[in-house]
Amino acid sequence: MATVELRFSALPEHVRTARLVAAAVARRAGVDEAVLDEVRLAVGEACTRAVGLHQNGGISAPVKVLLIEEEKQFSIEVGDEAPHAVPGGRTPGGGPGAETEEDEMGLAVISGLVDDVEVSAGEHGGSIRMRWSTTPLATFPV
């Protein structure tokens, strides 16, 4: 299992870099060429969401992206450190919910692009984990 970890300041201009890195690592992991656009779009949505949550919450911590190559699958996890609604519908501190209509729209777009998505959230941050099938790269005898 190979893992690439990317951390970037929560600024919109870094989302493009995350998308490019994700597509390059996905290609290397064996994700089908026809699916790479979906990988780019999904990572862009997830990173844009994390950047927005950090900026709205005044969080200076970087956004974390894990790109994980496993046997027969490739996964990307985008993590944020923004407090999310806890069970009961309130965010820590009693302020307005961090989940907005725009946030829900981003999650809907990601769900439409990726077959296997897990969203987790809590008072110390959240993550979106996306998975794609891979095909083994052909090896030729030397």
N, C-alpha and C. Protein backbone atom coordinates (compact mmCIF):
# COMPACT_ATOMS: atom_id res chain seq x y z
N MET A 1 0.85 -1.18 0.00
CA MET A 1 0.00 0.00 0.00
C MET A 1 0.89 1.23 0.00
N ALA A 2 0.75 2.06 -1.00
CA ALA A 2 1.51 3.31 -1.10
C ALA A 2 0.58 4.47 -0.78
N THR A 3 1.10 5.44 -0.03
CA THR A 3 0.30 6.61 0.33
C THR A 3 1.08 7.87 0.03
N VAL A 4 0.41 8.83 -0.57
CA VAL A 4 0.96 10.17 -0.79
C VAL A 4 0.14 11.11 0.06
N GLU A 5 0.81 11.96 0.83
CA GLU A 5 0.10 12.93 1.67
C GLU A 5 0.42 14.32 1.17
N LEU A 6 -0.62 15.10 0.98
CA LEU A 6 -0.50 16.47 0.51
C LEU A 6 -1.18 17.36 1.54
N ARG A 7 -0.50 18.40 1.96
CA ARG A 7 -1.08 19.40 2.85
C ARG A 7 -0.91 20.75 2.18
N PHE A 8 -1.96 21.56 2.21
CA PHE A 8 -1.85 22.89 1.62
C PHE A 8 -2.64 23.91 2.43
N SER A 9 -2.16 25.16 2.37
CA SER A 9 -2.86 26.25 3.04
C SER A 9 -4.25 26.36 2.47
N ALA A 10 -5.21 26.68 3.33
CA ALA A 10 -6.61 26.74 2.92
C ALA A 10 -6.87 27.98 2.07
N LEU A 11 -6.33 27.94 0.85
CA LEU A 11 -6.52 29.02 -0.11
C LEU A 11 -7.02 28.42 -1.42
N PRO A 12 -7.99 29.08 -2.06
CA PRO A 12 -8.59 28.53 -3.28
C PRO A 12 -7.56 28.24 -4.38
N GLU A 13 -6.51 29.02 -4.47
CA GLU A 13 -5.54 28.81 -5.55
C GLU A 13 -4.77 27.50 -5.43
N HIS A 14 -4.79 26.86 -4.26
CA HIS A 14 -4.10 25.59 -4.09
C HIS A 14 -4.96 24.38 -4.49
N VAL A 15 -6.24 24.59 -4.69
CA VAL A 15 -7.14 23.49 -5.06
C VAL A 15 -6.73 22.90 -6.41
N ARG A 16 -6.35 23.74 -7.34
CA ARG A 16 -5.94 23.27 -8.66
C ARG A 16 -4.74 22.32 -8.55
N THR A 17 -3.79 22.68 -7.71
CA THR A 17 -2.62 21.82 -7.52
C THR A 17 -3.03 20.46 -6.96
N ALA A 18 -3.94 20.47 -5.99
CA ALA A 18 -4.43 19.21 -5.41
C ALA A 18 -5.09 18.35 -6.48
N ARG A 19 -5.86 18.98 -7.36
CA ARG A 19 -6.52 18.24 -8.44
C ARG A 19 -5.50 17.60 -9.38
N LEU A 20 -4.46 18.34 -9.73
CA LEU A 20 -3.44 17.83 -10.64
C LEU A 20 -2.66 16.68 -10.01
N VAL A 21 -2.30 16.83 -8.74
CA VAL A 21 -1.58 15.76 -8.04
C VAL A 21 -2.46 14.51 -7.94
N ALA A 22 -3.72 14.70 -7.59
CA ALA A 22 -4.64 13.56 -7.46
C ALA A 22 -4.77 12.81 -8.78
N ALA A 23 -4.91 13.53 -9.88
CA ALA A 23 -5.04 12.88 -11.18
C ALA A 23 -3.77 12.13 -11.56
N ALA A 24 -2.61 12.71 -11.29
CA ALA A 24 -1.35 12.05 -11.61
C ALA A 24 -1.16 10.77 -10.79
N VAL A 25 -1.47 10.83 -9.50
CA VAL A 25 -1.31 9.65 -8.65
C VAL A 25 -2.36 8.59 -9.01
N ALA A 26 -3.58 9.02 -9.33
CA ALA A 26 -4.63 8.08 -9.74
C ALA A 26 -4.23 7.35 -11.02
N ARG A 27 -3.68 8.08 -11.97
CA ARG A 27 -3.23 7.47 -13.22
C ARG A 27 -2.16 6.42 -12.93
N ARG A 28 -1.20 6.77 -12.10
CA ARG A 28 -0.12 5.86 -11.73
C ARG A 28 -0.65 4.63 -10.99
N ALA A 29 -1.72 4.81 -10.21
CA ALA A 29 -2.30 3.71 -9.43
C ALA A 29 -3.11 2.75 -10.30
N GLY A 30 -3.44 3.16 -11.52
CA GLY A 30 -4.18 2.27 -12.42
C GLY A 30 -5.65 2.61 -12.56
N VAL A 31 -6.06 3.81 -12.14
CA VAL A 31 -7.44 4.24 -12.36
C VAL A 31 -7.64 4.42 -13.87
N ASP A 32 -8.75 3.93 -14.36
CA ASP A 32 -9.04 3.99 -15.79
C ASP A 32 -8.97 5.44 -16.29
N GLU A 33 -8.38 5.60 -17.44
CA GLU A 33 -8.19 6.92 -18.06
C GLU A 33 -9.53 7.66 -18.22
N ALA A 34 -10.60 6.93 -18.52
CA ALA A 34 -11.91 7.55 -18.71
C ALA A 34 -12.49 8.12 -17.42
N VAL A 35 -11.97 7.71 -16.28
CA VAL A 35 -12.50 8.14 -14.98
C VAL A 35 -11.69 9.30 -14.39
N LEU A 36 -10.54 9.62 -14.98
CA LEU A 36 -9.67 10.64 -14.40
C LEU A 36 -10.33 12.01 -14.28
N ASP A 37 -11.18 12.36 -15.23
CA ASP A 37 -11.89 13.65 -15.11
C ASP A 37 -12.79 13.66 -13.88
N GLU A 38 -13.43 12.55 -13.60
CA GLU A 38 -14.28 12.46 -12.41
C GLU A 38 -13.44 12.56 -11.14
N VAL A 39 -12.25 11.97 -11.16
CA VAL A 39 -11.34 12.07 -10.01
C VAL A 39 -10.99 13.54 -9.79
N ARG A 40 -10.60 14.23 -10.85
CA ARG A 40 -10.23 15.65 -10.74
C ARG A 40 -11.39 16.48 -10.20
N LEU A 41 -12.57 16.28 -10.77
CA LEU A 41 -13.73 17.07 -10.34
C LEU A 41 -14.10 16.78 -8.88
N ALA A 42 -14.10 15.52 -8.51
CA ALA A 42 -14.46 15.15 -7.13
C ALA A 42 -13.46 15.72 -6.13
N VAL A 43 -12.16 15.61 -6.44
CA VAL A 43 -11.14 16.16 -5.55
C VAL A 43 -11.26 17.68 -5.48
N GLY A 44 -11.54 18.30 -6.61
CA GLY A 44 -11.73 19.75 -6.62
C GLY A 44 -12.89 20.17 -5.73
N GLU A 45 -14.00 19.46 -5.81
CA GLU A 45 -15.16 19.77 -4.96
C GLU A 45 -14.83 19.56 -3.48
N ALA A 46 -14.19 18.43 -3.16
CA ALA A 46 -13.88 18.13 -1.76
C ALA A 46 -12.88 19.15 -1.19
N CYS A 47 -11.88 19.51 -1.97
CA CYS A 47 -10.89 20.48 -1.49
C CYS A 47 -11.49 21.89 -1.38
N THR A 48 -12.32 22.26 -2.34
CA THR A 48 -12.99 23.56 -2.27
C THR A 48 -13.87 23.64 -1.03
N ARG A 49 -14.55 22.56 -0.72
CA ARG A 49 -15.39 22.49 0.49
C ARG A 49 -14.53 22.67 1.73
N ALA A 50 -13.41 21.94 1.81
CA ALA A 50 -12.52 22.04 2.98
C ALA A 50 -11.94 23.44 3.11
N VAL A 51 -11.52 24.04 2.00
CA VAL A 51 -10.98 25.40 2.03
C VAL A 51 -12.05 26.37 2.55
N GLY A 52 -13.26 26.25 2.05
CA GLY A 52 -14.35 27.12 2.51
C GLY A 52 -14.63 26.97 3.99
N LEU A 53 -14.65 25.73 4.47
CA LEU A 53 -14.88 25.49 5.90
C LEU A 53 -13.77 26.11 6.75
N HIS A 54 -12.53 25.98 6.30
CA HIS A 54 -11.41 26.56 7.04
C HIS A 54 -11.48 28.09 7.03
N GLN A 55 -11.76 28.66 5.87
CA GLN A 55 -11.82 30.12 5.78
C GLN A 55 -12.99 30.68 6.59
N ASN A 56 -14.15 30.05 6.49
CA ASN A 56 -15.32 30.53 7.25
C ASN A 56 -15.13 30.38 8.74
N GLY A 57 -14.37 29.36 9.15
CA GLY A 57 -14.16 29.13 10.57
C GLY A 57 -12.91 29.80 11.12
N GLY A 58 -12.18 30.52 10.27
CA GLY A 58 -10.96 31.16 10.72
C GLY A 58 -9.88 30.18 11.15
N ILE A 59 -9.82 29.04 10.50
CA ILE A 59 -8.88 27.97 10.86
C ILE A 59 -7.63 28.11 10.00
N SER A 60 -6.48 28.17 10.64
CA SER A 60 -5.23 28.36 9.90
C SER A 60 -4.54 27.04 9.56
N ALA A 61 -5.02 25.94 10.08
CA ALA A 61 -4.43 24.63 9.80
C ALA A 61 -4.57 24.31 8.31
N PRO A 62 -3.64 23.53 7.77
CA PRO A 62 -3.73 23.18 6.35
C PRO A 62 -4.82 22.14 6.08
N VAL A 63 -5.25 22.09 4.85
CA VAL A 63 -6.15 21.04 4.37
C VAL A 63 -5.27 19.83 4.09
N LYS A 64 -5.75 18.65 4.44
CA LYS A 64 -4.96 17.43 4.30
C LYS A 64 -5.61 16.52 3.25
N VAL A 65 -4.80 16.05 2.31
CA VAL A 65 -5.27 15.13 1.28
C VAL A 65 -4.38 13.88 1.31
N LEU A 66 -5.01 12.73 1.48
CA LEU A 66 -4.30 11.45 1.44
C LEU A 66 -4.70 10.72 0.16
N LEU A 67 -3.71 10.28 -0.60
CA LEU A 67 -3.93 9.52 -1.83
C LEU A 67 -3.37 8.14 -1.57
N ILE A 68 -4.25 7.14 -1.53
CA ILE A 68 -3.87 5.80 -1.08
C ILE A 68 -4.08 4.78 -2.18
N GLU A 69 -2.98 4.13 -2.56
CA GLU A 69 -3.02 3.09 -3.57
C GLU A 69 -3.03 1.74 -2.87
N GLU A 70 -4.10 0.98 -3.07
CA GLU A 70 -4.22 -0.35 -2.49
C GLU A 70 -4.42 -1.34 -3.63
N GLU A 71 -4.40 -2.61 -3.28
CA GLU A 71 -4.63 -3.62 -4.29
C GLU A 71 -6.07 -3.50 -4.81
N LYS A 72 -6.21 -3.28 -6.09
CA LYS A 72 -7.50 -3.20 -6.78
C LYS A 72 -8.33 -1.96 -6.46
N GLN A 73 -7.80 -1.02 -5.68
CA GLN A 73 -8.56 0.21 -5.46
C GLN A 73 -7.64 1.37 -5.13
N PHE A 74 -8.12 2.56 -5.42
CA PHE A 74 -7.41 3.80 -5.16
C PHE A 74 -8.38 4.68 -4.37
N SER A 75 -7.91 5.27 -3.28
CA SER A 75 -8.79 6.13 -2.51
C SER A 75 -8.12 7.46 -2.21
N ILE A 76 -8.96 8.46 -2.06
CA ILE A 76 -8.51 9.81 -1.72
C ILE A 76 -9.34 10.26 -0.53
N GLU A 77 -8.65 10.76 0.47
CA GLU A 77 -9.33 11.29 1.65
C GLU A 77 -8.94 12.75 1.81
N VAL A 78 -9.95 13.61 1.82
CA VAL A 78 -9.74 15.05 2.02
C VAL A 78 -10.25 15.38 3.41
N GLY A 79 -9.36 15.90 4.25
CA GLY A 79 -9.72 16.20 5.64
C GLY A 79 -9.66 17.68 5.96
N ASP A 80 -10.56 18.09 6.82
CA ASP A 80 -10.57 19.46 7.31
C ASP A 80 -10.57 19.44 8.83
N GLU A 81 -10.29 20.57 9.44
CA GLU A 81 -10.29 20.67 10.89
C GLU A 81 -11.40 21.59 11.40
N ALA A 82 -12.39 21.82 10.57
CA ALA A 82 -13.51 22.68 10.94
C ALA A 82 -14.52 21.89 11.79
N PRO A 83 -15.04 22.51 12.85
CA PRO A 83 -16.06 21.81 13.64
C PRO A 83 -17.35 21.66 12.82
N HIS A 84 -17.89 20.47 12.85
CA HIS A 84 -19.12 20.18 12.13
C HIS A 84 -20.23 19.93 13.14
N ALA A 85 -21.46 19.91 12.65
CA ALA A 85 -22.60 19.66 13.52
C ALA A 85 -22.43 18.31 14.21
N VAL A 86 -22.69 18.30 15.49
CA VAL A 86 -22.66 17.06 16.26
C VAL A 86 -24.07 16.52 16.33
N PRO A 87 -24.26 15.26 16.70
CA PRO A 87 -25.62 14.74 16.79
C PRO A 87 -26.50 15.67 17.62
N GLY A 88 -27.65 15.95 17.08
CA GLY A 88 -28.54 16.91 17.74
C GLY A 88 -28.63 18.18 16.90
N GLY A 89 -27.78 18.28 15.84
CA GLY A 89 -27.90 19.38 14.90
C GLY A 89 -27.22 20.67 15.29
N ARG A 90 -26.44 20.70 16.37
CA ARG A 90 -25.77 21.94 16.75
C ARG A 90 -24.27 21.80 16.55
N THR A 91 -23.64 22.90 16.16
CA THR A 91 -22.19 22.88 16.06
C THR A 91 -21.62 23.24 17.41
N PRO A 92 -20.40 22.83 17.71
CA PRO A 92 -19.79 23.20 18.97
C PRO A 92 -19.78 24.71 19.14
N GLY A 93 -20.07 25.16 20.31
CA GLY A 93 -20.11 26.59 20.58
C GLY A 93 -21.48 27.20 20.36
N GLY A 94 -22.41 26.42 19.82
CA GLY A 94 -23.78 26.89 19.66
C GLY A 94 -24.01 27.85 18.52
N GLY A 95 -22.98 28.09 17.67
CA GLY A 95 -23.12 29.02 16.55
C GLY A 95 -23.91 28.39 15.43
N PRO A 96 -24.06 29.13 14.32
CA PRO A 96 -24.78 28.58 13.18
C PRO A 96 -24.05 27.38 12.61
N GLY A 97 -24.80 26.45 12.02
CA GLY A 97 -24.22 25.22 11.48
C GLY A 97 -23.21 25.49 10.39
N ALA A 98 -22.13 24.73 10.39
CA ALA A 98 -21.10 24.86 9.37
C ALA A 98 -21.57 24.27 8.04
N GLU A 99 -22.56 23.38 8.10
CA GLU A 99 -23.10 22.78 6.90
C GLU A 99 -24.10 23.75 6.27
N THR A 100 -23.78 24.27 5.12
CA THR A 100 -24.66 25.21 4.43
C THR A 100 -25.26 24.54 3.21
N GLU A 101 -26.15 25.25 2.55
CA GLU A 101 -26.75 24.72 1.33
C GLU A 101 -25.68 24.49 0.27
N GLU A 102 -24.70 25.37 0.18
CA GLU A 102 -23.60 25.22 -0.77
C GLU A 102 -22.78 23.97 -0.45
N ASP A 103 -22.56 23.74 0.83
CA ASP A 103 -21.82 22.57 1.28
C ASP A 103 -22.56 21.29 0.87
N GLU A 104 -23.86 21.26 1.08
CA GLU A 104 -24.66 20.10 0.71
C GLU A 104 -24.64 19.88 -0.80
N MET A 105 -24.62 20.97 -1.56
CA MET A 105 -24.56 20.86 -3.02
C MET A 105 -23.23 20.23 -3.44
N GLY A 106 -22.13 20.64 -2.81
CA GLY A 106 -20.82 20.06 -3.11
C GLY A 106 -20.79 18.57 -2.81
N LEU A 107 -21.39 18.17 -1.69
CA LEU A 107 -21.45 16.75 -1.34
C LEU A 107 -22.29 15.97 -2.35
N ALA A 108 -23.36 16.59 -2.84
CA ALA A 108 -24.20 15.93 -3.84
C ALA A 108 -23.43 15.74 -5.15
N VAL A 109 -22.64 16.74 -5.54
CA VAL A 109 -21.84 16.62 -6.75
C VAL A 109 -20.83 15.48 -6.60
N ILE A 110 -20.16 15.44 -5.45
CA ILE A 110 -19.18 14.37 -5.20
C ILE A 110 -19.85 13.00 -5.27
N SER A 111 -21.01 12.88 -4.64
CA SER A 111 -21.74 11.60 -4.66
C SER A 111 -22.13 11.18 -6.07
N GLY A 112 -22.38 12.16 -6.93
CA GLY A 112 -22.72 11.86 -8.31
C GLY A 112 -21.52 11.44 -9.14
N LEU A 113 -20.32 11.83 -8.71
CA LEU A 113 -19.10 11.52 -9.46
C LEU A 113 -18.42 10.23 -9.01
N VAL A 114 -18.64 9.86 -7.74
CA VAL A 114 -17.91 8.74 -7.14
C VAL A 114 -18.91 7.71 -6.63
N ASP A 115 -18.70 6.46 -6.96
CA ASP A 115 -19.61 5.40 -6.53
C ASP A 115 -19.49 5.10 -5.04
N ASP A 116 -18.28 5.18 -4.50
CA ASP A 116 -18.03 4.81 -3.11
C ASP A 116 -17.50 6.02 -2.34
N VAL A 117 -18.37 6.67 -1.58
CA VAL A 117 -18.02 7.87 -0.83
C VAL A 117 -18.41 7.69 0.63
N GLU A 118 -17.52 8.09 1.53
CA GLU A 118 -17.81 8.11 2.96
C GLU A 118 -17.55 9.52 3.47
N VAL A 119 -18.53 10.08 4.15
CA VAL A 119 -18.36 11.41 4.74
C VAL A 119 -18.44 11.24 6.25
N SER A 120 -17.44 11.74 6.93
CA SER A 120 -17.47 11.70 8.39
C SER A 120 -17.24 13.12 8.90
N ALA A 121 -17.87 13.45 9.99
CA ALA A 121 -17.75 14.79 10.55
C ALA A 121 -17.97 14.75 12.05
N GLY A 122 -17.29 15.63 12.72
CA GLY A 122 -17.43 15.73 14.17
C GLY A 122 -16.99 17.10 14.62
N GLU A 123 -16.91 17.27 15.91
CA GLU A 123 -16.58 18.59 16.43
C GLU A 123 -15.12 18.98 16.21
N HIS A 124 -14.27 18.02 15.82
CA HIS A 124 -12.85 18.33 15.60
C HIS A 124 -12.46 18.27 14.12
N GLY A 125 -13.43 18.18 13.24
CA GLY A 125 -13.13 18.16 11.82
C GLY A 125 -13.87 17.05 11.11
N GLY A 126 -13.63 16.97 9.83
CA GLY A 126 -14.32 15.95 9.04
C GLY A 126 -13.46 15.49 7.89
N SER A 127 -13.97 14.50 7.18
CA SER A 127 -13.26 14.01 6.01
C SER A 127 -14.24 13.44 5.00
N ILE A 128 -13.78 13.44 3.77
CA ILE A 128 -14.50 12.80 2.68
C ILE A 128 -13.54 11.79 2.08
N ARG A 129 -13.94 10.53 2.08
CA ARG A 129 -13.11 9.46 1.51
C ARG A 129 -13.81 8.94 0.26
N MET A 130 -13.08 8.96 -0.84
CA MET A 130 -13.62 8.54 -2.13
C MET A 130 -12.77 7.39 -2.65
N ARG A 131 -13.43 6.38 -3.26
CA ARG A 131 -12.71 5.20 -3.75
C ARG A 131 -13.06 4.91 -5.20
N TRP A 132 -12.04 4.46 -5.93
CA TRP A 132 -12.20 4.04 -7.32
C TRP A 132 -11.51 2.69 -7.51
N SER A 133 -12.04 1.88 -8.41
CA SER A 133 -11.39 0.62 -8.77
C SER A 133 -10.18 0.89 -9.64
N THR A 134 -9.22 0.00 -9.56
CA THR A 134 -8.04 0.13 -10.41
C THR A 134 -7.85 -1.13 -11.21
N THR A 135 -7.13 -0.99 -12.30
CA THR A 135 -6.73 -2.15 -13.09
C THR A 135 -5.23 -2.26 -12.97
N PRO A 136 -4.74 -3.46 -12.75
CA PRO A 136 -3.29 -3.62 -12.61
C PRO A 136 -2.57 -3.18 -13.89
N LEU A 137 -1.47 -2.47 -13.71
CA LEU A 137 -0.67 -2.06 -14.86
C LEU A 137 0.02 -3.29 -15.45
N ALA A 138 0.05 -3.32 -16.75
CA ALA A 138 0.67 -4.46 -17.42
C ALA A 138 2.17 -4.49 -17.14
N THR A 139 2.65 -5.67 -16.86
CA THR A 139 4.09 -5.83 -16.69
C THR A 139 4.61 -6.74 -17.79
N PHE A 140 5.75 -6.41 -18.32
CA PHE A 140 6.32 -7.17 -19.40
C PHE A 140 7.61 -7.82 -18.92
N PRO A 141 7.84 -9.07 -19.33
CA PRO A 141 9.09 -9.72 -18.94
C PRO A 141 10.28 -8.97 -19.52
N VAL A 142 11.33 -8.96 -18.78
CA VAL A 142 12.53 -8.24 -19.22
C VAL A 142 13.42 -9.15 -20.01
